[in-house]
Amino acid sequence: MLGDVDGESPAVKVRGLVKSYGRVQAVAGVDLDISHGEIFALLGPNGAGKTTTVEILEGYRRRDGGEVSVLGLDPGRQRRQLKGKIGIVLQKTGVDRYLTVAETVRMFASYYPRPRSPEEVIDLVGLTGKRGARVTTLSGGQLRRLDMAVALAGDPELLFLDEPTTGFDPSARREAWEVVKSLASLGKTVLLTTHYMDEAQYLADRVAVIADGRIVASGAPSTLGHRDHAEARIRYRVPDGTAPPEKLAGTAGGDGYREVRSADLVRDLNQLTGWALESGVALDGLEVVRPTLEDVYLRLTGESAAASERSTA
């Protein structure tokens, strides 16, 4: 058993996880901690080892080495005990399309020794008005809500969400996001995989980026890869013929905006707005831009890919 941290073992704890397929090492020494009640996003390009890692945690794939604890159990040796404690939402589900919502949830709840009330689960995911509707009549967003209900039927402690909103329209994605957010209020732990950076930004308490089988960065979405300390850009527009101070003039773009790269944001903003007030100049569209989560993700995965190419050259 892996050691506890601060007297309490995390919901998920991984040390030195490795997995190979022939000569290809899919997972190359992953270390990972996920706290109880946390929404955690695992990000990574296709082939990075993300799916293999999650399948090992779920107990559906055996590891070659390393230590893994999920809710205090080893998924490789105690899968039967673990199954009743986790819920899994795949990209595509195989529920009977001609059952009603209520029939579907009741059926899955019957598979567990201590299920959550099916009626309560239906209410929780926002399908109260669709209890008697057949699955075939549900919209994309409603189907995803039903997927969540199925995963919650056994009252799991930990939910695995695999690309939960792939192919959704913006409205359906927002609906699914709110369902995931509501799980946190129940004290559920959620491990989310997604290719949508805005989804990770909105939902996750913490994120980890996996590339070439290794975790290359982890932390809160706002601080990942030192994003919060990265050089900011100040963008603004002034009337034609107006010359801002040379130090804050920056570069002019084709859209009429000037852009200033700032290492000391407070100082530069103070100087720019002070000049504008003294000169009676309007700073149209003034905004501060920092690297987005997507910018950081692309940098991290790009650096990892470049390092891998150098090592094999």
Foldseek 3Di string as FASTA:
>chain_A
DDDDDPPHRAQKFWFQWWAADVPATQAGTETDGHHFLFEEEEEEDPSLNVVVVVCQLQLNDDTPDTAIAHNNDRSVVPNVVCVLAEFEQEQDDDFDQFAFLLVRLVVLLVVAPAWDPLQVLCVLLPNNVRRGPGNVPDDPLVNLSSSSSSRRGSVHQEYEYEQSQPPHDPVSVVSNLVSLQSVSVVRHYYYYYHHDQVSCLPRGQKYFYGGNNYTQWMDGQCCIPHQVQDWKKKKWAWDPPDDFPPQLQADADPVRIHIDTDNPVVVSVCRRVVVCVVVVIDGPPIDMDTDHSVNSNCVRNVVVVVVVVVVVD
